[in-house]
Amino acid sequence: MNTDLEIFLINAKKETYANSNIEKVTSSRLGSNDYHYEEVINGKKYAYHDTYFGGTKFMGEEVVYCDSNKPIWGMNYYGVTFDESLGEEAMDNALRPALMQVGEDKNVISTRGPSKFENNGYTYFFKTTGSIEKFDGIEQIYKDDILIYELHCSGGIIK
């Protein structure tokens, strides 16, 4: 059973970067790309902010706040697209559709996508260790059995 934090994270991720119909918000720092989402769950106001820099080589951070300006959860990530000619194609055919599956695969923590997802010749994998409170993860995308993208992430509860 998912906690309120996990439910919120799943909703927030589906309403930000993973959803190609959602627009970015005003950059919070020079050169950043930002997404923001808010929702009330069981009387608590949650806010999610995702900030990243770069494109085919990128780094970013997601932070969740609850009932205040104090962060309660966060995740850092760094990703590389090895075949830059497939950059946007891989994101549109593999990454975003996989990330829209967040929370559906109980074999991985609900911080990215499912453990495996296939679409249009791309295969997405996500592996995690730990729990939502403290975790590490690796995300990979293959096209025709060739690794074209990899992301490392880590995060957990902030106190």
N, C-alpha and C. Protein backbone atom coordinates (compact mmCIF):
# COMPACT_ATOMS: atom_id res chain seq x y z
N MET A 1 0.85 -1.19 0.00
CA MET A 1 0.00 0.00 0.00
C MET A 1 0.88 1.25 0.00
N ASN A 2 0.56 2.18 -0.85
CA ASN A 2 1.36 3.40 -0.99
C ASN A 2 1.03 4.42 0.10
N THR A 3 2.05 5.11 0.58
CA THR A 3 1.86 6.20 1.53
C THR A 3 1.37 7.43 0.77
N ASP A 4 0.95 8.45 1.53
CA ASP A 4 0.53 9.70 0.88
C ASP A 4 1.66 10.28 0.05
N LEU A 5 2.90 10.20 0.55
CA LEU A 5 4.05 10.70 -0.20
C LEU A 5 4.19 9.96 -1.52
N GLU A 6 4.09 8.65 -1.48
CA GLU A 6 4.22 7.87 -2.72
C GLU A 6 3.09 8.17 -3.70
N ILE A 7 1.88 8.29 -3.20
CA ILE A 7 0.74 8.64 -4.06
C ILE A 7 0.99 10.00 -4.71
N PHE A 8 1.44 10.96 -3.90
CA PHE A 8 1.72 12.29 -4.43
C PHE A 8 2.83 12.25 -5.48
N LEU A 9 3.92 11.53 -5.19
CA LEU A 9 5.02 11.44 -6.15
C LEU A 9 4.56 10.86 -7.48
N ILE A 10 3.77 9.83 -7.44
CA ILE A 10 3.25 9.22 -8.67
C ILE A 10 2.45 10.24 -9.46
N ASN A 11 1.54 10.95 -8.78
CA ASN A 11 0.72 11.97 -9.45
C ASN A 11 1.58 13.10 -10.00
N ALA A 12 2.54 13.56 -9.19
CA ALA A 12 3.39 14.68 -9.60
C ALA A 12 4.21 14.33 -10.83
N LYS A 13 4.76 13.13 -10.86
CA LYS A 13 5.60 12.72 -11.99
C LYS A 13 4.77 12.60 -13.27
N LYS A 14 3.53 12.17 -13.15
CA LYS A 14 2.65 12.04 -14.32
C LYS A 14 2.14 13.40 -14.80
N GLU A 15 2.28 14.43 -13.95
CA GLU A 15 1.80 15.77 -14.31
C GLU A 15 2.94 16.75 -14.57
N THR A 16 4.16 16.23 -14.75
CA THR A 16 5.30 17.11 -15.04
C THR A 16 6.06 16.56 -16.24
N TYR A 17 7.36 16.35 -16.15
CA TYR A 17 8.20 15.99 -17.30
C TYR A 17 7.70 14.79 -18.09
N ALA A 18 7.24 13.74 -17.43
CA ALA A 18 6.80 12.52 -18.13
C ALA A 18 5.66 12.80 -19.09
N ASN A 19 4.85 13.78 -18.77
CA ASN A 19 3.68 14.12 -19.58
C ASN A 19 4.08 15.17 -20.61
N SER A 20 4.17 14.75 -21.87
CA SER A 20 4.64 15.66 -22.93
C SER A 20 3.69 16.83 -23.18
N ASN A 21 2.49 16.80 -22.60
CA ASN A 21 1.53 17.89 -22.79
C ASN A 21 1.66 18.99 -21.73
N ILE A 22 2.49 18.76 -20.72
CA ILE A 22 2.64 19.72 -19.63
C ILE A 22 3.76 20.70 -19.96
N GLU A 23 3.50 21.98 -19.71
CA GLU A 23 4.51 23.00 -19.99
C GLU A 23 5.40 23.24 -18.77
N LYS A 24 6.62 23.65 -19.04
CA LYS A 24 7.56 24.00 -17.98
C LYS A 24 7.08 25.29 -17.31
N VAL A 25 7.56 25.51 -16.09
CA VAL A 25 7.30 26.77 -15.39
C VAL A 25 8.54 27.65 -15.53
N THR A 26 8.46 28.87 -15.03
CA THR A 26 9.58 29.80 -15.10
C THR A 26 10.80 29.20 -14.41
N SER A 27 11.96 29.34 -15.06
CA SER A 27 13.20 28.80 -14.52
C SER A 27 13.50 29.38 -13.14
N SER A 28 13.91 28.51 -12.23
CA SER A 28 14.24 28.96 -10.88
C SER A 28 15.70 29.39 -10.77
N ARG A 29 16.54 28.93 -11.71
CA ARG A 29 17.96 29.29 -11.73
C ARG A 29 18.38 29.50 -13.18
N LEU A 30 19.47 30.21 -13.38
CA LEU A 30 19.95 30.46 -14.73
C LEU A 30 20.16 29.16 -15.49
N GLY A 31 19.57 29.03 -16.66
CA GLY A 31 19.76 27.87 -17.51
C GLY A 31 19.00 26.63 -17.12
N SER A 32 18.10 26.72 -16.13
CA SER A 32 17.38 25.52 -15.69
C SER A 32 16.08 25.33 -16.45
N ASN A 33 15.62 24.09 -16.44
CA ASN A 33 14.29 23.72 -16.93
C ASN A 33 13.53 23.26 -15.70
N ASP A 34 12.33 23.79 -15.50
CA ASP A 34 11.61 23.54 -14.26
C ASP A 34 10.17 23.09 -14.49
N TYR A 35 9.71 22.21 -13.58
CA TYR A 35 8.32 21.76 -13.54
C TYR A 35 7.85 21.88 -12.09
N HIS A 36 6.57 22.18 -11.91
CA HIS A 36 6.00 22.32 -10.57
C HIS A 36 4.61 21.70 -10.54
N TYR A 37 4.29 21.06 -9.42
CA TYR A 37 2.97 20.45 -9.25
C TYR A 37 2.58 20.52 -7.78
N GLU A 38 1.29 20.77 -7.51
CA GLU A 38 0.78 20.81 -6.14
C GLU A 38 -0.50 20.02 -6.05
N GLU A 39 -0.74 19.43 -4.86
CA GLU A 39 -1.95 18.65 -4.63
C GLU A 39 -2.17 18.51 -3.13
N VAL A 40 -3.44 18.47 -2.72
CA VAL A 40 -3.78 18.22 -1.33
C VAL A 40 -4.21 16.76 -1.23
N ILE A 41 -3.57 16.03 -0.31
CA ILE A 41 -3.90 14.62 -0.07
C ILE A 41 -4.13 14.46 1.43
N ASN A 42 -5.30 13.95 1.78
CA ASN A 42 -5.67 13.74 3.20
C ASN A 42 -5.41 14.99 4.05
N GLY A 43 -5.78 16.14 3.51
CA GLY A 43 -5.68 17.40 4.24
C GLY A 43 -4.30 18.02 4.29
N LYS A 44 -3.31 17.40 3.65
CA LYS A 44 -1.96 17.96 3.63
C LYS A 44 -1.65 18.49 2.24
N LYS A 45 -1.05 19.67 2.19
CA LYS A 45 -0.68 20.28 0.90
C LYS A 45 0.74 19.88 0.53
N TYR A 46 0.85 19.16 -0.58
CA TYR A 46 2.15 18.74 -1.09
C TYR A 46 2.51 19.59 -2.31
N ALA A 47 3.79 19.89 -2.44
CA ALA A 47 4.30 20.61 -3.61
C ALA A 47 5.54 19.89 -4.10
N TYR A 48 5.66 19.77 -5.42
CA TYR A 48 6.77 19.07 -6.07
C TYR A 48 7.45 20.04 -7.02
N HIS A 49 8.77 20.06 -6.98
CA HIS A 49 9.51 20.91 -7.92
C HIS A 49 10.67 20.10 -8.50
N ASP A 50 10.75 20.08 -9.83
CA ASP A 50 11.80 19.38 -10.56
C ASP A 50 12.57 20.42 -11.36
N THR A 51 13.87 20.48 -11.14
CA THR A 51 14.75 21.40 -11.85
C THR A 51 15.88 20.60 -12.49
N TYR A 52 16.11 20.81 -13.80
CA TYR A 52 17.25 20.13 -14.42
C TYR A 52 17.95 21.06 -15.39
N PHE A 53 19.19 20.71 -15.68
CA PHE A 53 20.05 21.48 -16.58
C PHE A 53 20.55 20.56 -17.67
N GLY A 54 20.60 21.05 -18.89
CA GLY A 54 21.16 20.29 -20.00
C GLY A 54 20.10 19.59 -20.82
N GLY A 55 20.59 18.76 -21.77
CA GLY A 55 19.70 18.05 -22.67
C GLY A 55 20.11 16.60 -22.82
N THR A 56 21.10 16.34 -23.67
CA THR A 56 21.55 14.96 -23.85
C THR A 56 22.52 14.52 -22.76
N LYS A 57 23.06 15.48 -22.04
CA LYS A 57 23.82 15.24 -20.80
C LYS A 57 23.21 16.21 -19.80
N PHE A 58 22.58 15.68 -18.77
CA PHE A 58 21.80 16.55 -17.89
C PHE A 58 21.90 16.11 -16.44
N MET A 59 21.63 17.07 -15.56
CA MET A 59 21.55 16.76 -14.14
C MET A 59 20.39 17.53 -13.55
N GLY A 60 19.82 16.97 -12.49
CA GLY A 60 18.68 17.64 -11.90
C GLY A 60 18.38 17.19 -10.50
N GLU A 61 17.32 17.79 -9.98
CA GLU A 61 16.90 17.52 -8.61
C GLU A 61 15.39 17.68 -8.51
N GLU A 62 14.77 16.77 -7.80
CA GLU A 62 13.35 16.85 -7.48
C GLU A 62 13.23 17.02 -5.98
N VAL A 63 12.31 17.88 -5.54
CA VAL A 63 12.09 18.10 -4.12
C VAL A 63 10.59 18.14 -3.85
N VAL A 64 10.17 17.52 -2.74
CA VAL A 64 8.78 17.55 -2.31
C VAL A 64 8.71 18.31 -0.98
N TYR A 65 7.72 19.20 -0.89
CA TYR A 65 7.44 19.95 0.32
C TYR A 65 6.06 19.52 0.83
N CYS A 66 5.86 19.59 2.15
CA CYS A 66 4.56 19.25 2.72
C CYS A 66 4.17 20.28 3.77
N ASP A 67 3.05 20.96 3.55
CA ASP A 67 2.46 21.92 4.49
C ASP A 67 3.38 23.07 4.89
N SER A 68 4.46 23.30 4.15
CA SER A 68 5.36 24.40 4.50
C SER A 68 6.38 24.58 3.39
N ASN A 69 7.33 25.43 3.64
CA ASN A 69 8.44 25.61 2.71
C ASN A 69 9.60 24.69 3.05
N LYS A 70 9.37 23.73 3.92
CA LYS A 70 10.42 22.81 4.35
C LYS A 70 10.38 21.55 3.48
N PRO A 71 11.49 21.21 2.83
CA PRO A 71 11.51 20.00 2.00
C PRO A 71 11.45 18.74 2.86
N ILE A 72 10.70 17.72 2.36
CA ILE A 72 10.57 16.46 3.11
C ILE A 72 11.15 15.26 2.35
N TRP A 73 11.35 15.41 1.04
CA TRP A 73 11.85 14.30 0.21
C TRP A 73 12.58 14.90 -0.99
N GLY A 74 13.60 14.21 -1.46
CA GLY A 74 14.31 14.70 -2.63
C GLY A 74 15.02 13.59 -3.38
N MET A 75 15.34 13.89 -4.64
CA MET A 75 16.09 12.97 -5.48
C MET A 75 16.99 13.78 -6.41
N ASN A 76 18.25 13.37 -6.52
CA ASN A 76 19.18 13.94 -7.49
C ASN A 76 19.37 12.95 -8.62
N TYR A 77 19.64 13.44 -9.83
CA TYR A 77 19.86 12.54 -10.95
C TYR A 77 20.83 13.14 -11.96
N TYR A 78 21.53 12.23 -12.68
CA TYR A 78 22.42 12.61 -13.77
C TYR A 78 22.21 11.60 -14.89
N GLY A 79 21.99 12.10 -16.10
CA GLY A 79 21.75 11.22 -17.23
C GLY A 79 22.57 11.61 -18.45
N VAL A 80 22.85 10.60 -19.27
CA VAL A 80 23.64 10.79 -20.50
C VAL A 80 22.97 10.03 -21.63
N THR A 81 22.82 10.70 -22.77
CA THR A 81 22.38 10.03 -23.99
C THR A 81 23.64 9.76 -24.80
N PHE A 82 23.96 8.48 -25.01
CA PHE A 82 25.21 8.10 -25.68
C PHE A 82 25.15 8.32 -27.19
N ASP A 83 23.98 8.15 -27.77
CA ASP A 83 23.80 8.41 -29.20
C ASP A 83 22.95 9.67 -29.31
N GLU A 84 23.63 10.82 -29.42
CA GLU A 84 22.93 12.10 -29.40
C GLU A 84 21.98 12.28 -30.58
N SER A 85 22.20 11.53 -31.66
CA SER A 85 21.29 11.63 -32.81
C SER A 85 19.91 11.08 -32.46
N LEU A 86 19.82 10.27 -31.39
CA LEU A 86 18.55 9.70 -30.96
C LEU A 86 17.97 10.42 -29.75
N GLY A 87 18.55 11.54 -29.37
CA GLY A 87 18.16 12.24 -28.15
C GLY A 87 16.68 12.42 -27.96
N GLU A 88 16.04 13.28 -28.73
CA GLU A 88 14.60 13.53 -28.57
C GLU A 88 13.76 12.33 -28.97
N GLU A 89 14.22 11.59 -29.98
CA GLU A 89 13.49 10.38 -30.40
C GLU A 89 13.40 9.39 -29.24
N ALA A 90 14.52 9.17 -28.55
CA ALA A 90 14.54 8.23 -27.42
C ALA A 90 13.67 8.74 -26.28
N MET A 91 13.68 10.04 -26.03
CA MET A 91 12.87 10.60 -24.95
C MET A 91 11.38 10.42 -25.25
N ASP A 92 11.01 10.68 -26.51
CA ASP A 92 9.60 10.60 -26.89
C ASP A 92 9.09 9.17 -27.03
N ASN A 93 9.93 8.25 -27.47
CA ASN A 93 9.50 6.87 -27.70
C ASN A 93 9.74 5.94 -26.52
N ALA A 94 10.68 6.27 -25.66
CA ALA A 94 11.03 5.36 -24.57
C ALA A 94 10.90 6.00 -23.19
N LEU A 95 11.58 7.11 -22.97
CA LEU A 95 11.64 7.65 -21.61
C LEU A 95 10.30 8.17 -21.12
N ARG A 96 9.71 9.12 -21.81
CA ARG A 96 8.45 9.69 -21.32
C ARG A 96 7.35 8.63 -21.19
N PRO A 97 7.15 7.76 -22.18
CA PRO A 97 6.11 6.72 -22.01
C PRO A 97 6.41 5.79 -20.82
N ALA A 98 7.68 5.48 -20.59
CA ALA A 98 8.03 4.63 -19.44
C ALA A 98 7.75 5.37 -18.13
N LEU A 99 8.12 6.64 -18.06
CA LEU A 99 7.90 7.41 -16.84
C LEU A 99 6.41 7.59 -16.54
N MET A 100 5.57 7.57 -17.55
CA MET A 100 4.12 7.66 -17.33
C MET A 100 3.59 6.38 -16.66
N GLN A 101 4.39 5.34 -16.60
CA GLN A 101 4.01 4.08 -15.95
C GLN A 101 4.42 4.06 -14.47
N VAL A 102 4.97 5.15 -13.95
CA VAL A 102 5.44 5.21 -12.58
C VAL A 102 4.35 4.72 -11.62
N GLY A 103 4.76 3.89 -10.67
CA GLY A 103 3.83 3.40 -9.66
C GLY A 103 3.11 2.12 -10.02
N GLU A 104 3.16 1.72 -11.28
CA GLU A 104 2.42 0.52 -11.71
C GLU A 104 3.20 -0.77 -11.48
N ASP A 105 4.52 -0.70 -11.38
CA ASP A 105 5.36 -1.88 -11.19
C ASP A 105 5.82 -1.90 -9.72
N LYS A 106 5.31 -2.85 -8.96
CA LYS A 106 5.63 -2.92 -7.53
C LYS A 106 7.02 -3.49 -7.26
N ASN A 107 7.77 -3.87 -8.33
CA ASN A 107 9.13 -4.39 -8.18
C ASN A 107 10.18 -3.30 -8.06
N VAL A 108 9.79 -2.04 -8.29
CA VAL A 108 10.72 -0.91 -8.17
C VAL A 108 10.05 0.21 -7.38
N ILE A 109 10.87 1.04 -6.77
CA ILE A 109 10.38 2.19 -6.02
C ILE A 109 9.74 3.18 -7.00
N SER A 110 8.67 3.83 -6.57
CA SER A 110 7.93 4.74 -7.45
C SER A 110 8.61 6.09 -7.61
N THR A 111 9.85 6.05 -8.13
CA THR A 111 10.59 7.30 -8.34
C THR A 111 10.84 7.58 -9.82
N ARG A 112 10.76 6.57 -10.68
CA ARG A 112 10.93 6.75 -12.12
C ARG A 112 9.88 5.90 -12.83
N GLY A 113 10.29 4.96 -13.68
CA GLY A 113 9.35 4.13 -14.41
C GLY A 113 9.30 2.71 -13.90
N PRO A 114 8.79 1.79 -14.73
CA PRO A 114 8.72 0.38 -14.35
C PRO A 114 10.08 -0.29 -14.50
N SER A 115 10.20 -1.52 -14.05
CA SER A 115 11.48 -2.23 -14.18
C SER A 115 11.80 -2.50 -15.65
N LYS A 116 10.77 -2.65 -16.50
CA LYS A 116 11.01 -2.85 -17.93
C LYS A 116 9.82 -2.31 -18.72
N PHE A 117 10.13 -1.65 -19.86
CA PHE A 117 9.09 -1.11 -20.73
C PHE A 117 9.61 -1.12 -22.15
N GLU A 118 8.81 -1.60 -23.09
CA GLU A 118 9.22 -1.65 -24.49
C GLU A 118 8.25 -0.83 -25.34
N ASN A 119 8.81 -0.07 -26.29
CA ASN A 119 7.99 0.76 -27.17
C ASN A 119 8.79 1.15 -28.42
N ASN A 120 8.24 0.88 -29.57
CA ASN A 120 8.82 1.31 -30.86
C ASN A 120 10.30 0.96 -31.02
N GLY A 121 10.68 -0.25 -30.64
CA GLY A 121 12.07 -0.69 -30.80
C GLY A 121 13.00 -0.28 -29.69
N TYR A 122 12.49 0.41 -28.68
CA TYR A 122 13.28 0.83 -27.52
C TYR A 122 12.90 -0.05 -26.33
N THR A 123 13.90 -0.34 -25.49
CA THR A 123 13.65 -1.07 -24.25
C THR A 123 14.21 -0.26 -23.10
N TYR A 124 13.36 0.03 -22.15
CA TYR A 124 13.68 0.83 -20.96
C TYR A 124 13.79 -0.12 -19.77
N PHE A 125 14.81 0.10 -18.92
CA PHE A 125 14.98 -0.66 -17.70
C PHE A 125 15.20 0.30 -16.54
N PHE A 126 14.67 -0.03 -15.37
CA PHE A 126 14.92 0.75 -14.16
C PHE A 126 15.11 -0.22 -13.00
N LYS A 127 16.22 -0.07 -12.28
CA LYS A 127 16.53 -0.91 -11.13
C LYS A 127 16.80 0.00 -9.93
N THR A 128 16.29 -0.42 -8.76
CA THR A 128 16.52 0.36 -7.55
C THR A 128 16.97 -0.54 -6.40
N THR A 129 17.63 0.09 -5.45
CA THR A 129 17.92 -0.55 -4.17
C THR A 129 17.45 0.40 -3.09
N GLY A 130 17.01 -0.15 -1.96
CA GLY A 130 16.54 0.67 -0.86
C GLY A 130 15.03 0.83 -0.87
N SER A 131 14.59 1.91 -0.28
CA SER A 131 13.16 2.22 -0.19
C SER A 131 12.96 3.69 -0.51
N ILE A 132 11.72 4.14 -0.53
CA ILE A 132 11.42 5.55 -0.83
C ILE A 132 12.14 6.47 0.17
N GLU A 133 12.45 5.94 1.38
CA GLU A 133 13.13 6.73 2.41
C GLU A 133 14.61 6.95 2.11
N LYS A 134 15.26 6.00 1.40
CA LYS A 134 16.68 6.10 1.04
C LYS A 134 16.94 5.10 -0.08
N PHE A 135 17.30 5.60 -1.26
CA PHE A 135 17.42 4.70 -2.41
C PHE A 135 18.50 5.15 -3.39
N ASP A 136 18.88 4.23 -4.24
CA ASP A 136 19.72 4.47 -5.40
C ASP A 136 19.05 3.77 -6.57
N GLY A 137 19.20 4.33 -7.76
CA GLY A 137 18.60 3.71 -8.93
C GLY A 137 19.43 3.94 -10.18
N ILE A 138 19.22 3.07 -11.16
CA ILE A 138 19.83 3.22 -12.47
C ILE A 138 18.77 2.94 -13.52
N GLU A 139 18.72 3.83 -14.50
CA GLU A 139 17.74 3.76 -15.59
C GLU A 139 18.53 3.65 -16.89
N GLN A 140 18.12 2.73 -17.75
CA GLN A 140 18.82 2.55 -19.03
C GLN A 140 17.81 2.39 -20.15
N ILE A 141 18.21 2.87 -21.34
CA ILE A 141 17.41 2.66 -22.55
C ILE A 141 18.30 2.05 -23.61
N TYR A 142 17.79 1.01 -24.22
CA TYR A 142 18.47 0.31 -25.31
C TYR A 142 17.65 0.48 -26.58
N LYS A 143 18.34 0.60 -27.71
CA LYS A 143 17.71 0.54 -29.03
C LYS A 143 18.46 -0.53 -29.81
N ASP A 144 17.71 -1.54 -30.27
CA ASP A 144 18.33 -2.67 -30.98
C ASP A 144 19.48 -3.25 -30.17
N ASP A 145 19.27 -3.45 -28.87
CA ASP A 145 20.23 -4.06 -27.94
C ASP A 145 21.50 -3.23 -27.73
N ILE A 146 21.49 -1.97 -28.11
CA ILE A 146 22.64 -1.07 -27.88
C ILE A 146 22.22 -0.04 -26.84
N LEU A 147 23.04 0.10 -25.78
CA LEU A 147 22.75 1.08 -24.73
C LEU A 147 22.91 2.48 -25.30
N ILE A 148 21.83 3.27 -25.25
CA ILE A 148 21.87 4.62 -25.81
C ILE A 148 21.67 5.71 -24.76
N TYR A 149 21.28 5.30 -23.54
CA TYR A 149 20.96 6.30 -22.51
C TYR A 149 21.10 5.64 -21.14
N GLU A 150 21.62 6.43 -20.18
CA GLU A 150 21.72 5.92 -18.81
C GLU A 150 21.57 7.07 -17.83
N LEU A 151 20.83 6.81 -16.76
CA LEU A 151 20.62 7.81 -15.70
C LEU A 151 20.87 7.14 -14.35
N HIS A 152 21.56 7.85 -13.47
CA HIS A 152 21.75 7.40 -12.10
C HIS A 152 21.00 8.38 -11.19
N CYS A 153 20.30 7.84 -10.20
CA CYS A 153 19.57 8.68 -9.28
C CYS A 153 19.72 8.17 -7.85
N SER A 154 19.54 9.06 -6.91
CA SER A 154 19.55 8.69 -5.50
C SER A 154 18.75 9.73 -4.74
N GLY A 155 18.22 9.29 -3.61
CA GLY A 155 17.44 10.24 -2.83
C GLY A 155 16.80 9.61 -1.62
N GLY A 156 15.86 10.35 -1.04
CA GLY A 156 15.14 9.86 0.11
C GLY A 156 14.56 10.99 0.94
N ILE A 157 14.22 10.63 2.16
CA ILE A 157 13.60 11.57 3.10
C ILE A 157 14.62 12.64 3.50
N ILE A 158 14.14 13.86 3.63
CA ILE A 158 14.96 15.00 4.08
C ILE A 158 14.47 15.41 5.47
N LYS A 159 15.37 15.48 6.42
CA LYS A 159 15.03 15.96 7.79
C LYS A 159 16.06 16.94 8.26
